[in-house]
Amino acid sequence: MKTPFRIAFALLLVSLLSACTLYVRSASVGVGFGVTLDRVITRLEPDRGTGASYRPGDRIRFIITLTQPGYVTLVSTEASGYSNTLGTYYLDAGTTILPPPGQGAGYYQVAYDSPYGLERIRAIYTNTRPSGSLRIEGRFSNDEFNNQVRIYFERNIAQSRDVAESYFYVNP
């Protein structure tokens, strides 16, 4: 009698959790960047949800929620490992759709030559305006990318910093 109840409970739990987007943060997350991170970015996800699928040519926007105003630099890393800065924006506290209204076309577009597979999006928050020359662009391993973020933070003296990551898939 207990076994069917346990199975039913496990299935219910799995179905409830599969509908959730989990954001994992730990106190040691800042170690990779050489700085202490504040919890400022509480949400970052593609407009279709974390882990959603897009095709080359599809329009995409990102939803971000901040607990305080500041500057957010959005960086995309393709399945090939190539990273590039999509833009830097001043955002008020609260939820915003990126790119913000009045900034370009109002959406990003998945490039027609994007490699298929996992694409990561990272939002880098600072409470001070970054220098115009601060861009992250190139092909990096995860450790090399983290080093680029550390350098970004070093060049941008900020009292409050945070990094959040989400992802989506590019499929044919």
N, C-alpha and C. Protein backbone atom coordinates (compact mmCIF):
# COMPACT_ATOMS: atom_id res chain seq x y z
N MET A 1 0.81 -1.19 0.00
CA MET A 1 0.00 0.00 0.00
C MET A 1 0.86 1.26 0.00
N LYS A 2 1.96 1.20 0.75
CA LYS A 2 2.81 2.38 0.82
C LYS A 2 3.54 2.63 -0.49
N THR A 3 3.87 1.58 -1.22
CA THR A 3 4.64 1.72 -2.45
C THR A 3 3.89 2.53 -3.51
N PRO A 4 2.60 2.23 -3.82
CA PRO A 4 1.89 3.06 -4.81
C PRO A 4 1.79 4.52 -4.38
N PHE A 5 1.63 4.76 -3.09
CA PHE A 5 1.58 6.13 -2.59
C PHE A 5 2.90 6.85 -2.83
N ARG A 6 4.00 6.16 -2.56
CA ARG A 6 5.33 6.76 -2.77
C ARG A 6 5.57 7.06 -4.24
N ILE A 7 5.18 6.14 -5.10
CA ILE A 7 5.36 6.35 -6.54
C ILE A 7 4.52 7.53 -7.01
N ALA A 8 3.26 7.59 -6.56
CA ALA A 8 2.39 8.71 -6.93
C ALA A 8 2.94 10.03 -6.42
N PHE A 9 3.45 10.03 -5.19
CA PHE A 9 4.04 11.25 -4.63
C PHE A 9 5.29 11.66 -5.42
N ALA A 10 6.14 10.68 -5.77
CA ALA A 10 7.35 10.98 -6.54
C ALA A 10 7.00 11.56 -7.91
N LEU A 11 6.00 10.98 -8.56
CA LEU A 11 5.57 11.49 -9.87
C LEU A 11 5.01 12.89 -9.77
N LEU A 12 4.23 13.15 -8.72
CA LEU A 12 3.70 14.49 -8.50
C LEU A 12 4.82 15.49 -8.28
N LEU A 13 5.78 15.12 -7.48
CA LEU A 13 6.92 15.98 -7.19
C LEU A 13 7.73 16.27 -8.45
N VAL A 14 8.00 15.25 -9.24
CA VAL A 14 8.75 15.42 -10.49
C VAL A 14 7.99 16.34 -11.44
N SER A 15 6.68 16.15 -11.56
CA SER A 15 5.91 16.99 -12.49
C SER A 15 5.87 18.44 -12.03
N LEU A 16 5.79 18.66 -10.73
CA LEU A 16 5.80 20.03 -10.23
C LEU A 16 7.15 20.69 -10.46
N LEU A 17 8.22 19.96 -10.19
CA LEU A 17 9.56 20.54 -10.35
C LEU A 17 9.94 20.73 -11.80
N SER A 18 9.41 19.91 -12.70
CA SER A 18 9.77 20.06 -14.11
C SER A 18 9.21 21.34 -14.70
N ALA A 19 8.21 21.93 -14.09
CA ALA A 19 7.63 23.17 -14.58
C ALA A 19 8.35 24.38 -14.01
N CYS A 20 9.31 24.17 -13.14
CA CYS A 20 10.00 25.27 -12.47
C CYS A 20 11.32 25.59 -13.17
N THR A 21 11.72 26.83 -13.08
CA THR A 21 13.05 27.24 -13.48
C THR A 21 13.83 27.46 -12.20
N LEU A 22 14.89 26.75 -12.05
CA LEU A 22 15.68 26.86 -10.82
C LEU A 22 16.88 27.76 -11.06
N TYR A 23 17.13 28.63 -10.12
CA TYR A 23 18.29 29.49 -10.17
C TYR A 23 19.18 29.09 -9.01
N VAL A 24 20.35 28.59 -9.31
CA VAL A 24 21.24 28.10 -8.27
C VAL A 24 22.34 29.12 -8.05
N ARG A 25 22.48 29.51 -6.84
CA ARG A 25 23.55 30.44 -6.47
C ARG A 25 24.16 29.93 -5.18
N SER A 26 25.43 30.13 -5.04
CA SER A 26 26.08 29.76 -3.78
C SER A 26 27.02 30.88 -3.38
N ALA A 27 27.45 30.84 -2.16
CA ALA A 27 28.35 31.88 -1.66
C ALA A 27 29.69 31.84 -2.39
N SER A 28 30.04 30.70 -2.94
CA SER A 28 31.34 30.57 -3.59
C SER A 28 31.31 30.90 -5.07
N VAL A 29 30.15 31.30 -5.61
CA VAL A 29 30.05 31.57 -7.04
C VAL A 29 31.00 32.68 -7.48
N GLY A 30 31.29 33.63 -6.63
CA GLY A 30 32.17 34.73 -6.98
C GLY A 30 33.63 34.34 -7.07
N VAL A 31 33.99 33.18 -6.57
CA VAL A 31 35.39 32.76 -6.56
C VAL A 31 35.96 32.71 -7.97
N GLY A 32 35.17 32.23 -8.94
CA GLY A 32 35.64 32.14 -10.32
C GLY A 32 35.95 33.49 -10.93
N PHE A 33 35.38 34.54 -10.37
CA PHE A 33 35.59 35.88 -10.91
C PHE A 33 36.55 36.69 -10.05
N GLY A 34 36.94 36.18 -8.91
CA GLY A 34 37.87 36.88 -8.04
C GLY A 34 37.25 38.02 -7.27
N VAL A 35 35.92 38.09 -7.22
CA VAL A 35 35.22 39.15 -6.49
C VAL A 35 34.01 38.54 -5.80
N THR A 36 33.51 39.25 -4.82
CA THR A 36 32.28 38.84 -4.17
C THR A 36 31.10 39.39 -4.97
N LEU A 37 30.14 38.52 -5.24
CA LEU A 37 28.97 38.94 -6.00
C LEU A 37 27.81 39.23 -5.06
N ASP A 38 27.03 40.24 -5.42
CA ASP A 38 25.82 40.57 -4.68
C ASP A 38 24.64 39.92 -5.40
N ARG A 39 23.59 39.68 -4.69
CA ARG A 39 22.39 39.11 -5.33
C ARG A 39 21.53 40.26 -5.84
N VAL A 40 21.81 40.69 -7.06
CA VAL A 40 21.07 41.79 -7.68
C VAL A 40 20.19 41.26 -8.81
N ILE A 41 20.70 40.34 -9.61
CA ILE A 41 19.94 39.76 -10.71
C ILE A 41 19.18 38.56 -10.15
N THR A 42 17.86 38.68 -10.09
CA THR A 42 17.07 37.58 -9.54
C THR A 42 16.39 36.74 -10.61
N ARG A 43 16.42 37.23 -11.86
CA ARG A 43 15.81 36.47 -12.96
C ARG A 43 16.51 36.84 -14.25
N LEU A 44 16.83 35.83 -15.05
CA LEU A 44 17.34 36.02 -16.40
C LEU A 44 16.90 34.80 -17.20
N GLU A 45 16.14 35.04 -18.25
CA GLU A 45 15.70 33.93 -19.09
C GLU A 45 15.27 34.43 -20.46
N PRO A 46 15.36 33.56 -21.48
CA PRO A 46 14.84 33.92 -22.80
C PRO A 46 13.32 34.08 -22.74
N ASP A 47 12.76 34.79 -23.71
CA ASP A 47 11.31 35.06 -23.69
C ASP A 47 10.46 33.80 -23.82
N ARG A 48 11.00 32.70 -24.32
CA ARG A 48 10.26 31.44 -24.39
C ARG A 48 10.55 30.56 -23.17
N GLY A 49 11.39 31.01 -22.28
CA GLY A 49 11.73 30.25 -21.09
C GLY A 49 13.11 29.63 -21.17
N THR A 50 13.69 29.35 -20.03
CA THR A 50 15.01 28.74 -19.96
C THR A 50 14.98 27.37 -20.63
N GLY A 51 15.95 27.12 -21.50
CA GLY A 51 16.05 25.84 -22.19
C GLY A 51 15.18 25.72 -23.42
N ALA A 52 14.51 26.81 -23.81
CA ALA A 52 13.64 26.78 -24.99
C ALA A 52 14.46 26.61 -26.27
N SER A 53 13.78 26.24 -27.34
CA SER A 53 14.42 26.07 -28.64
C SER A 53 14.10 27.24 -29.55
N TYR A 54 15.09 27.66 -30.30
CA TYR A 54 14.95 28.71 -31.31
C TYR A 54 15.63 28.20 -32.58
N ARG A 55 15.22 28.76 -33.69
CA ARG A 55 15.83 28.42 -34.98
C ARG A 55 16.58 29.64 -35.49
N PRO A 56 17.58 29.42 -36.36
CA PRO A 56 18.24 30.57 -36.97
C PRO A 56 17.21 31.48 -37.62
N GLY A 57 17.34 32.77 -37.37
CA GLY A 57 16.41 33.77 -37.89
C GLY A 57 15.32 34.15 -36.91
N ASP A 58 15.08 33.32 -35.87
CA ASP A 58 14.04 33.64 -34.88
C ASP A 58 14.42 34.89 -34.09
N ARG A 59 13.39 35.63 -33.72
CA ARG A 59 13.57 36.78 -32.83
C ARG A 59 13.60 36.28 -31.40
N ILE A 60 14.43 36.92 -30.59
CA ILE A 60 14.55 36.52 -29.20
C ILE A 60 14.76 37.75 -28.33
N ARG A 61 14.14 37.73 -27.17
CA ARG A 61 14.35 38.78 -26.17
C ARG A 61 14.62 38.08 -24.85
N PHE A 62 15.10 38.82 -23.88
CA PHE A 62 15.44 38.24 -22.59
C PHE A 62 14.75 39.02 -21.48
N ILE A 63 14.29 38.29 -20.49
CA ILE A 63 13.63 38.88 -19.34
C ILE A 63 14.63 38.90 -18.19
N ILE A 64 14.81 40.08 -17.60
CA ILE A 64 15.75 40.22 -16.49
C ILE A 64 15.07 41.00 -15.37
N THR A 65 15.34 40.58 -14.15
CA THR A 65 14.81 41.28 -12.97
C THR A 65 15.98 41.65 -12.08
N LEU A 66 16.04 42.94 -11.69
CA LEU A 66 17.09 43.46 -10.81
C LEU A 66 16.47 43.95 -9.50
N THR A 67 17.22 43.83 -8.42
CA THR A 67 16.76 44.34 -7.13
C THR A 67 17.17 45.79 -6.92
N GLN A 68 18.07 46.29 -7.75
CA GLN A 68 18.50 47.69 -7.67
C GLN A 68 18.91 48.16 -9.06
N PRO A 69 18.86 49.47 -9.31
CA PRO A 69 19.23 49.97 -10.64
C PRO A 69 20.72 49.81 -10.89
N GLY A 70 21.08 49.74 -12.17
CA GLY A 70 22.49 49.65 -12.52
C GLY A 70 22.67 49.30 -13.98
N TYR A 71 23.89 48.95 -14.33
CA TYR A 71 24.27 48.66 -15.71
C TYR A 71 24.38 47.15 -15.91
N VAL A 72 23.78 46.67 -16.99
CA VAL A 72 23.82 45.25 -17.32
C VAL A 72 24.44 45.10 -18.70
N THR A 73 25.47 44.27 -18.78
CA THR A 73 26.06 43.90 -20.05
C THR A 73 25.63 42.48 -20.35
N LEU A 74 25.03 42.28 -21.51
CA LEU A 74 24.53 40.98 -21.92
C LEU A 74 25.51 40.35 -22.89
N VAL A 75 25.96 39.13 -22.58
CA VAL A 75 26.95 38.43 -23.39
C VAL A 75 26.39 37.07 -23.80
N SER A 76 26.52 36.76 -25.07
CA SER A 76 26.05 35.50 -25.63
C SER A 76 27.25 34.60 -25.90
N THR A 77 27.13 33.31 -25.58
CA THR A 77 28.16 32.33 -25.91
C THR A 77 27.51 31.21 -26.71
N GLU A 78 27.91 31.10 -27.98
CA GLU A 78 27.36 30.10 -28.89
C GLU A 78 27.87 28.71 -28.55
N ALA A 79 27.28 27.69 -29.16
CA ALA A 79 27.70 26.30 -28.96
C ALA A 79 29.16 26.11 -29.34
N SER A 80 29.67 26.92 -30.26
CA SER A 80 31.06 26.82 -30.70
C SER A 80 32.05 27.37 -29.68
N GLY A 81 31.53 28.08 -28.65
CA GLY A 81 32.40 28.71 -27.66
C GLY A 81 32.67 30.18 -27.95
N TYR A 82 32.18 30.67 -29.08
CA TYR A 82 32.38 32.08 -29.42
C TYR A 82 31.45 32.95 -28.58
N SER A 83 32.01 33.95 -27.91
CA SER A 83 31.24 34.88 -27.07
C SER A 83 31.29 36.28 -27.66
N ASN A 84 30.19 37.00 -27.53
CA ASN A 84 30.20 38.40 -27.93
C ASN A 84 29.21 39.19 -27.09
N THR A 85 29.52 40.46 -26.91
CA THR A 85 28.68 41.36 -26.13
C THR A 85 27.51 41.81 -26.99
N LEU A 86 26.29 41.60 -26.49
CA LEU A 86 25.09 42.01 -27.21
C LEU A 86 24.73 43.46 -26.93
N GLY A 87 25.12 43.97 -25.77
CA GLY A 87 24.82 45.35 -25.43
C GLY A 87 24.99 45.60 -23.95
N THR A 88 25.12 46.87 -23.62
CA THR A 88 25.17 47.31 -22.23
C THR A 88 24.06 48.32 -22.04
N TYR A 89 23.29 48.14 -20.97
CA TYR A 89 22.10 48.96 -20.76
C TYR A 89 22.03 49.42 -19.30
N TYR A 90 21.54 50.64 -19.11
CA TYR A 90 21.19 51.08 -17.75
C TYR A 90 19.75 50.65 -17.52
N LEU A 91 19.52 49.93 -16.42
CA LEU A 91 18.19 49.44 -16.11
C LEU A 91 17.77 49.86 -14.71
N ASP A 92 16.50 50.17 -14.56
CA ASP A 92 15.95 50.44 -13.24
C ASP A 92 15.71 49.11 -12.53
N ALA A 93 15.50 49.17 -11.22
CA ALA A 93 15.13 47.98 -10.47
C ALA A 93 13.79 47.48 -11.00
N GLY A 94 13.59 46.18 -10.95
CA GLY A 94 12.35 45.59 -11.44
C GLY A 94 12.62 44.71 -12.65
N THR A 95 11.56 44.36 -13.36
CA THR A 95 11.67 43.46 -14.51
C THR A 95 11.68 44.26 -15.80
N THR A 96 12.59 43.90 -16.69
CA THR A 96 12.77 44.57 -17.98
C THR A 96 12.92 43.52 -19.07
N ILE A 97 12.46 43.84 -20.26
CA ILE A 97 12.68 43.01 -21.43
C ILE A 97 13.89 43.59 -22.17
N LEU A 98 14.85 42.73 -22.49
CA LEU A 98 16.04 43.18 -23.23
C LEU A 98 15.93 42.74 -24.67
N PRO A 99 16.30 43.59 -25.62
CA PRO A 99 16.78 44.95 -25.39
C PRO A 99 15.63 45.85 -24.94
N PRO A 100 15.99 46.88 -24.16
CA PRO A 100 14.95 47.78 -23.66
C PRO A 100 14.25 48.52 -24.80
N PRO A 101 13.02 48.97 -24.58
CA PRO A 101 12.30 49.74 -25.60
C PRO A 101 13.12 50.94 -26.07
N GLY A 102 13.10 51.18 -27.36
CA GLY A 102 13.81 52.32 -27.93
C GLY A 102 15.28 52.04 -28.19
N GLN A 103 15.74 50.83 -27.95
CA GLN A 103 17.15 50.48 -28.16
C GLN A 103 17.24 49.50 -29.33
N GLY A 104 17.44 49.99 -30.50
CA GLY A 104 17.56 49.13 -31.67
C GLY A 104 16.21 48.61 -32.14
N ALA A 105 16.22 47.39 -32.66
CA ALA A 105 15.02 46.80 -33.26
C ALA A 105 14.00 46.33 -32.22
N GLY A 106 14.40 46.28 -30.96
CA GLY A 106 13.49 45.80 -29.92
C GLY A 106 13.57 44.30 -29.70
N TYR A 107 14.49 43.65 -30.41
CA TYR A 107 14.71 42.22 -30.25
C TYR A 107 16.10 41.89 -30.77
N TYR A 108 16.58 40.73 -30.40
CA TYR A 108 17.79 40.17 -31.00
C TYR A 108 17.31 39.13 -32.00
N GLN A 109 18.19 38.73 -32.88
CA GLN A 109 17.82 37.71 -33.85
C GLN A 109 18.89 36.62 -33.80
N VAL A 110 18.44 35.37 -33.73
CA VAL A 110 19.37 34.24 -33.77
C VAL A 110 19.99 34.25 -35.17
N ALA A 111 21.31 34.35 -35.23
CA ALA A 111 22.00 34.46 -36.51
C ALA A 111 21.75 33.24 -37.39
N TYR A 112 21.65 33.50 -38.69
CA TYR A 112 21.41 32.41 -39.63
C TYR A 112 22.56 31.42 -39.68
N ASP A 113 23.76 31.87 -39.31
CA ASP A 113 24.90 30.96 -39.31
C ASP A 113 25.26 30.48 -37.90
N SER A 114 24.34 30.62 -36.95
CA SER A 114 24.59 30.15 -35.58
C SER A 114 24.78 28.64 -35.57
N PRO A 115 25.78 28.17 -34.85
CA PRO A 115 25.93 26.72 -34.73
C PRO A 115 24.78 26.15 -33.90
N TYR A 116 24.33 24.97 -34.24
CA TYR A 116 23.25 24.33 -33.50
C TYR A 116 23.76 23.87 -32.15
N GLY A 117 22.88 23.92 -31.17
CA GLY A 117 23.23 23.44 -29.84
C GLY A 117 22.95 24.47 -28.77
N LEU A 118 23.57 24.27 -27.63
CA LEU A 118 23.38 25.11 -26.45
C LEU A 118 23.98 26.50 -26.64
N GLU A 119 23.20 27.52 -26.34
CA GLU A 119 23.71 28.90 -26.34
C GLU A 119 23.44 29.47 -24.95
N ARG A 120 24.51 29.98 -24.34
CA ARG A 120 24.39 30.55 -23.00
C ARG A 120 24.31 32.07 -23.09
N ILE A 121 23.54 32.64 -22.18
CA ILE A 121 23.42 34.08 -22.07
C ILE A 121 23.85 34.45 -20.65
N ARG A 122 24.76 35.40 -20.54
CA ARG A 122 25.18 35.88 -19.23
C ARG A 122 24.91 37.37 -19.12
N ALA A 123 24.35 37.74 -17.99
CA ALA A 123 24.13 39.15 -17.67
C ALA A 123 25.14 39.52 -16.60
N ILE A 124 25.91 40.57 -16.85
CA ILE A 124 26.92 41.04 -15.91
C ILE A 124 26.45 42.40 -15.40
N TYR A 125 26.23 42.48 -14.10
CA TYR A 125 25.69 43.69 -13.47
C TYR A 125 26.79 44.44 -12.73
N THR A 126 26.80 45.76 -12.87
CA THR A 126 27.61 46.64 -12.03
C THR A 126 26.78 47.87 -11.71
N ASN A 127 27.07 48.48 -10.57
CA ASN A 127 26.30 49.68 -10.21
C ASN A 127 26.95 50.95 -10.76
N THR A 128 28.05 50.83 -11.49
CA THR A 128 28.69 51.98 -12.12
C THR A 128 28.76 51.75 -13.63
N ARG A 129 28.80 52.84 -14.37
CA ARG A 129 28.85 52.76 -15.84
C ARG A 129 30.18 52.15 -16.28
N PRO A 130 30.11 51.08 -17.10
CA PRO A 130 31.35 50.50 -17.61
C PRO A 130 31.98 51.40 -18.67
N SER A 131 33.27 51.29 -18.81
CA SER A 131 33.99 52.03 -19.85
C SER A 131 33.49 51.55 -21.21
N GLY A 132 33.40 52.45 -22.17
CA GLY A 132 32.93 52.10 -23.51
C GLY A 132 33.77 51.05 -24.19
N SER A 133 35.02 50.88 -23.74
CA SER A 133 35.92 49.92 -24.39
C SER A 133 35.80 48.52 -23.80
N LEU A 134 34.96 48.35 -22.80
CA LEU A 134 34.85 47.03 -22.18
C LEU A 134 33.88 46.17 -22.98
N ARG A 135 34.44 45.21 -23.69
CA ARG A 135 33.64 44.25 -24.46
C ARG A 135 34.23 42.87 -24.24
N ILE A 136 33.38 41.89 -24.25
CA ILE A 136 33.84 40.50 -24.18
C ILE A 136 33.52 39.90 -25.54
N GLU A 137 34.56 39.52 -26.26
CA GLU A 137 34.37 38.96 -27.59
C GLU A 137 35.53 38.03 -27.90
N GLY A 138 35.20 36.84 -28.39
CA GLY A 138 36.21 35.85 -28.76
C GLY A 138 35.76 34.45 -28.41
N ARG A 139 36.62 33.49 -28.67
CA ARG A 139 36.33 32.09 -28.39
C ARG A 139 37.05 31.74 -27.08
N PHE A 140 36.27 31.35 -26.07
CA PHE A 140 36.82 31.11 -24.73
C PHE A 140 36.33 29.78 -24.17
N SER A 141 37.21 29.14 -23.39
CA SER A 141 36.74 28.03 -22.54
C SER A 141 35.97 28.68 -21.39
N ASN A 142 35.32 27.89 -20.58
CA ASN A 142 34.56 28.45 -19.45
C ASN A 142 35.49 29.20 -18.51
N ASP A 143 36.67 28.63 -18.22
CA ASP A 143 37.63 29.31 -17.33
C ASP A 143 38.12 30.62 -17.95
N GLU A 144 38.39 30.59 -19.25
CA GLU A 144 38.84 31.82 -19.93
C GLU A 144 37.74 32.87 -19.92
N PHE A 145 36.48 32.43 -20.09
CA PHE A 145 35.37 33.38 -20.05
C PHE A 145 35.27 34.00 -18.66
N ASN A 146 35.37 33.18 -17.63
CA ASN A 146 35.33 33.69 -16.25
C ASN A 146 36.47 34.69 -16.02
N ASN A 147 37.62 34.45 -16.62
CA ASN A 147 38.74 35.39 -16.51
C ASN A 147 38.40 36.70 -17.20
N GLN A 148 37.70 36.65 -18.33
CA GLN A 148 37.28 37.88 -19.01
C GLN A 148 36.33 38.68 -18.13
N VAL A 149 35.43 37.99 -17.43
CA VAL A 149 34.51 38.68 -16.51
C VAL A 149 35.29 39.30 -15.36
N ARG A 150 36.28 38.56 -14.84
CA ARG A 150 37.11 39.11 -13.75
C ARG A 150 37.81 40.38 -14.20
N ILE A 151 38.38 40.36 -15.41
CA ILE A 151 39.05 41.56 -15.95
C ILE A 151 38.04 42.69 -16.12
N TYR A 152 36.84 42.36 -16.59
CA TYR A 152 35.77 43.34 -16.75
C TYR A 152 35.50 44.01 -15.41
N PHE A 153 35.38 43.20 -14.35
CA PHE A 153 35.13 43.75 -13.02
C PHE A 153 36.31 44.60 -12.53
N GLU A 154 37.53 44.16 -12.80
CA GLU A 154 38.71 44.92 -12.37
C GLU A 154 38.77 46.29 -13.02
N ARG A 155 38.43 46.36 -14.30
CA ARG A 155 38.48 47.63 -15.03
C ARG A 155 37.30 48.54 -14.69
N ASN A 156 36.25 47.95 -14.20
CA ASN A 156 35.06 48.71 -13.84
C ASN A 156 34.92 48.66 -12.33
N ILE A 157 35.48 49.65 -11.66
CA ILE A 157 35.44 49.68 -10.20
C ILE A 157 34.00 49.92 -9.77
N ALA A 158 33.39 48.86 -9.26
CA ALA A 158 31.99 48.94 -8.84
C ALA A 158 31.87 48.39 -7.43
N GLN A 159 30.97 48.97 -6.67
CA GLN A 159 30.74 48.50 -5.31
C GLN A 159 29.79 47.31 -5.29
N SER A 160 28.96 47.19 -6.30
CA SER A 160 27.99 46.11 -6.37
C SER A 160 28.12 45.42 -7.72
N ARG A 161 28.24 44.07 -7.71
CA ARG A 161 28.44 43.30 -8.94
C ARG A 161 27.65 42.00 -8.86
N ASP A 162 27.23 41.51 -10.01
CA ASP A 162 26.54 40.24 -10.05
C ASP A 162 26.66 39.66 -11.45
N VAL A 163 26.50 38.35 -11.55
CA VAL A 163 26.49 37.64 -12.82
C VAL A 163 25.38 36.60 -12.75
N ALA A 164 24.59 36.52 -13.80
CA ALA A 164 23.56 35.48 -13.89
C ALA A 164 23.66 34.85 -15.27
N GLU A 165 23.26 33.60 -15.37
CA GLU A 165 23.35 32.89 -16.63
C GLU A 165 22.05 32.16 -16.90
N SER A 166 21.69 32.09 -18.18
CA SER A 166 20.57 31.30 -18.64
C SER A 166 20.99 30.65 -19.96
N TYR A 167 20.09 29.91 -20.58
CA TYR A 167 20.47 29.26 -21.82
C TYR A 167 19.23 28.95 -22.67
N PHE A 168 19.51 28.68 -23.93
CA PHE A 168 18.50 28.20 -24.86
C PHE A 168 19.21 27.36 -25.88
N TYR A 169 18.45 26.73 -26.75
CA TYR A 169 19.03 25.86 -27.78
C TYR A 169 18.73 26.43 -29.15
N VAL A 170 19.71 26.31 -30.06
CA VAL A 170 19.51 26.65 -31.46
C VAL A 170 19.38 25.32 -32.20
N ASN A 171 18.23 25.11 -32.82
CA ASN A 171 17.93 23.86 -33.53
C ASN A 171 17.58 24.16 -34.98
N PRO A 172 17.78 23.17 -35.84
CA PRO A 172 17.45 23.36 -37.27
C PRO A 172 15.95 23.49 -37.47
